[in-house]
Structure formats: C-alpha cells, structure tokens
Amino acid sequence: MSNNSNNKGVMTEKGREALERFKMESANELGINLKQGYNGDLTSREAGSIGGSMVNMMCPEQQWNFTRNDMRSMGHRRVLTYSMQVGI
C-alpha cells in the first residue's frame, strides 16, 4: 500500500490490530469485560466510557481553574476554567 494523500482514510491490518489492543487495554483499565468481535451486550455508558478513555489517552487535555473577583458585583467570586489541548 502506498503512503500518499489518497490513502488517508484507509487503515492497515496492523493499524486495526493496534487499535483493537488499545480498546481492550482501555476497557480492562475501566473494569469492563470485552470479548473478541461483537460486543452488543455493552451498555451505552460502558461503550462511551471505553471510547472516552481512549480519546483522553490519545489527546491529553490540561485544565486550570482560576478564581477571581467578579467586577460587576463586589464581594462575589467567579471560577473560570481554561482548557488546553496539546496537539501532536
């Protein structure tokens, strides 16, 4: 298989196997038992947890919380959350 821009959506067998291992590892860390092949007995919550865990490992995100005084109402405080995603 050539490595040109026309093959962006094509996954190799090695890539498919690596993704399957990654999915199994993520499920194992969450305590969800996956079997090889179809896993139609999973709940939506379990399947979403596995996918979310995979995304969090592939795209780590940093968050910072800051507290500052609200300028509109004296004596009130506001918490701001800033998220940053690091691209590789």
C-alpha atoms as a PDB file:
ATOM      1  CA  MET A   1       0.000   0.000   0.000  1.00  0.00           C
ATOM      2  CA  SER A   2       1.465   3.365  -0.943  1.00  0.00           C
ATOM      3  CA  ASN A   3       1.729   6.156   1.576  1.00  0.00           C
ATOM      4  CA  ASN A   4       0.166   9.076  -0.307  1.00  0.00           C
ATOM      5  CA  SER A   5      -2.595  11.578   0.463  1.00  0.00           C
ATOM      6  CA  ASN A   6      -5.222   9.394  -1.272  1.00  0.00           C
ATOM      7  CA  ASN A   7      -4.951   6.761   1.498  1.00  0.00           C
ATOM      8  CA  LYS A   8      -5.813   8.980   4.478  1.00  0.00           C
ATOM      9  CA  GLY A   9      -8.997   7.043   5.304  1.00  0.00           C
ATOM     10  CA  VAL A  10      -7.502   3.584   4.730  1.00  0.00           C
ATOM     11  CA  MET A  11      -6.422   1.587   7.786  1.00  0.00           C
ATOM     12  CA  THR A  12      -3.878  -1.189   7.513  1.00  0.00           C
ATOM     13  CA  GLU A  13      -4.313  -4.536   9.226  1.00  0.00           C
ATOM     14  CA  LYS A  14      -1.523  -3.635  11.686  1.00  0.00           C
ATOM     15  CA  GLY A  15      -3.290  -0.385  12.495  1.00  0.00           C
ATOM     16  CA  ARG A  16      -6.599  -2.169  13.031  1.00  0.00           C
ATOM     17  CA  GLU A  17      -4.931  -4.693  15.365  1.00  0.00           C
ATOM     18  CA  ALA A  18      -3.199  -1.932  17.336  1.00  0.00           C
ATOM     19  CA  LEU A  19      -6.483  -0.065  17.753  1.00  0.00           C
ATOM     20  CA  GLU A  20      -8.197  -3.264  18.925  1.00  0.00           C
ATOM     21  CA  ARG A  21      -5.444  -3.871  21.531  1.00  0.00           C
ATOM     22  CA  PHE A  22      -5.748  -0.254  22.669  1.00  0.00           C
ATOM     23  CA  LYS A  23      -9.525  -0.680  23.050  1.00  0.00           C
ATOM     24  CA  MET A  24      -9.058  -3.887  25.078  1.00  0.00           C
ATOM     25  CA  GLU A  25      -6.488  -2.204  27.361  1.00  0.00           C
ATOM     26  CA  SER A  26      -8.781   0.780  27.923  1.00  0.00           C
ATOM     27  CA  ALA A  27     -11.733  -1.474  28.745  1.00  0.00           C
ATOM     28  CA  ASN A  28      -9.597  -3.545  31.111  1.00  0.00           C
ATOM     29  CA  GLU A  29      -8.467  -0.417  32.991  1.00  0.00           C
ATOM     30  CA  LEU A  30     -12.137   0.539  33.428  1.00  0.00           C
ATOM     31  CA  GLY A  31     -13.101  -2.950  34.600  1.00  0.00           C
ATOM     32  CA  ILE A  32     -15.272  -3.647  31.554  1.00  0.00           C
ATOM     33  CA  ASN A  33     -15.008  -7.134  30.068  1.00  0.00           C
ATOM     34  CA  LEU A  34     -14.787  -7.124  26.280  1.00  0.00           C
ATOM     35  CA  LYS A  35     -14.764 -10.219  24.139  1.00  0.00           C
ATOM     36  CA  GLN A  36     -13.213 -10.557  20.692  1.00  0.00           C
ATOM     37  CA  GLY A  37     -15.613  -9.490  17.960  1.00  0.00           C
ATOM     38  CA  TYR A  38     -19.066  -8.055  18.518  1.00  0.00           C
ATOM     39  CA  ASN A  39     -19.878  -6.640  21.976  1.00  0.00           C
ATOM     40  CA  GLY A  40     -23.559  -5.780  21.544  1.00  0.00           C
ATOM     41  CA  ASP A  41     -24.304  -6.603  25.172  1.00  0.00           C
ATOM     42  CA  LEU A  42     -22.438  -3.495  26.408  1.00  0.00           C
ATOM     43  CA  THR A  43     -24.495  -0.628  27.751  1.00  0.00           C
ATOM     44  CA  SER A  44     -24.189   2.757  26.079  1.00  0.00           C
ATOM     45  CA  ARG A  45     -22.485   4.027  29.219  1.00  0.00           C
ATOM     46  CA  GLU A  46     -19.839   1.257  29.097  1.00  0.00           C
ATOM     47  CA  ALA A  47     -19.151   1.732  25.389  1.00  0.00           C
ATOM     48  CA  GLY A  48     -18.936   5.505  25.834  1.00  0.00           C
ATOM     49  CA  SER A  49     -16.588   5.102  28.787  1.00  0.00           C
ATOM     50  CA  ILE A  50     -14.223   2.990  26.702  1.00  0.00           C
ATOM     51  CA  GLY A  51     -14.250   5.448  23.798  1.00  0.00           C
ATOM     52  CA  GLY A  52     -13.867   8.420  26.118  1.00  0.00           C
ATOM     53  CA  SER A  53     -10.936   6.789  27.874  1.00  0.00           C
ATOM     54  CA  MET A  54      -9.247   6.160  24.526  1.00  0.00           C
ATOM     55  CA  VAL A  55      -9.720   9.780  23.445  1.00  0.00           C
ATOM     56  CA  ASN A  56      -8.361  11.070  26.752  1.00  0.00           C
ATOM     57  CA  MET A  57      -5.220   8.963  26.324  1.00  0.00           C
ATOM     58  CA  MET A  58      -4.733   9.996  22.693  1.00  0.00           C
ATOM     59  CA  CYS A  59      -5.473  13.697  23.252  1.00  0.00           C
ATOM     60  CA  PRO A  60      -4.449  14.638  26.784  1.00  0.00           C
ATOM     61  CA  GLU A  61      -6.054  17.848  27.933  1.00  0.00           C
ATOM     62  CA  GLN A  62      -4.803  20.247  30.561  1.00  0.00           C
ATOM     63  CA  GLN A  63      -7.178  22.243  32.747  1.00  0.00           C
ATOM     64  CA  TRP A  64      -6.535  25.143  35.055  1.00  0.00           C
ATOM     65  CA  ASN A  65      -9.041  26.695  37.446  1.00  0.00           C
ATOM     66  CA  PHE A  66      -8.690  30.339  38.404  1.00  0.00           C
ATOM     67  CA  THR A  67     -10.742  32.226  40.940  1.00  0.00           C
ATOM     68  CA  ARG A  68     -11.099  35.981  40.532  1.00  0.00           C
ATOM     69  CA  ASN A  69     -13.272  38.725  41.900  1.00  0.00           C
ATOM     70  CA  ASP A  70     -16.369  39.479  39.864  1.00  0.00           C
ATOM     71  CA  MET A  71     -16.059  43.115  38.830  1.00  0.00           C
ATOM     72  CA  ARG A  72     -19.826  43.552  38.454  1.00  0.00           C
ATOM     73  CA  SER A  73     -20.775  42.510  41.992  1.00  0.00           C
ATOM     74  CA  MET A  74     -18.409  43.437  44.781  1.00  0.00           C
ATOM     75  CA  GLY A  75     -17.634  40.560  47.137  1.00  0.00           C
ATOM     76  CA  HIS A  76     -18.577  37.843  44.657  1.00  0.00           C
ATOM     77  CA  ARG A  77     -16.076  35.425  43.214  1.00  0.00           C
ATOM     78  CA  ARG A  78     -16.167  33.639  39.888  1.00  0.00           C
ATOM     79  CA  VAL A  79     -14.338  30.403  38.989  1.00  0.00           C
ATOM     80  CA  LEU A  80     -13.004  30.253  35.457  1.00  0.00           C
ATOM     81  CA  THR A  81     -11.828  27.007  33.850  1.00  0.00           C
ATOM     82  CA  TYR A  82      -9.396  27.159  30.979  1.00  0.00           C
ATOM     83  CA  SER A  83      -8.827  24.031  28.897  1.00  0.00           C
ATOM     84  CA  MET A  84      -5.911  23.470  26.591  1.00  0.00           C
ATOM     85  CA  GLN A  85      -5.453  20.551  24.253  1.00  0.00           C
ATOM     86  CA  VAL A  86      -1.965  19.691  23.107  1.00  0.00           C
ATOM     87  CA  GLY A  87      -1.725  18.501  19.536  1.00  0.00           C
ATOM     88  CA  ILE A  88       0.969  16.122  18.421  1.00  0.00           C
END
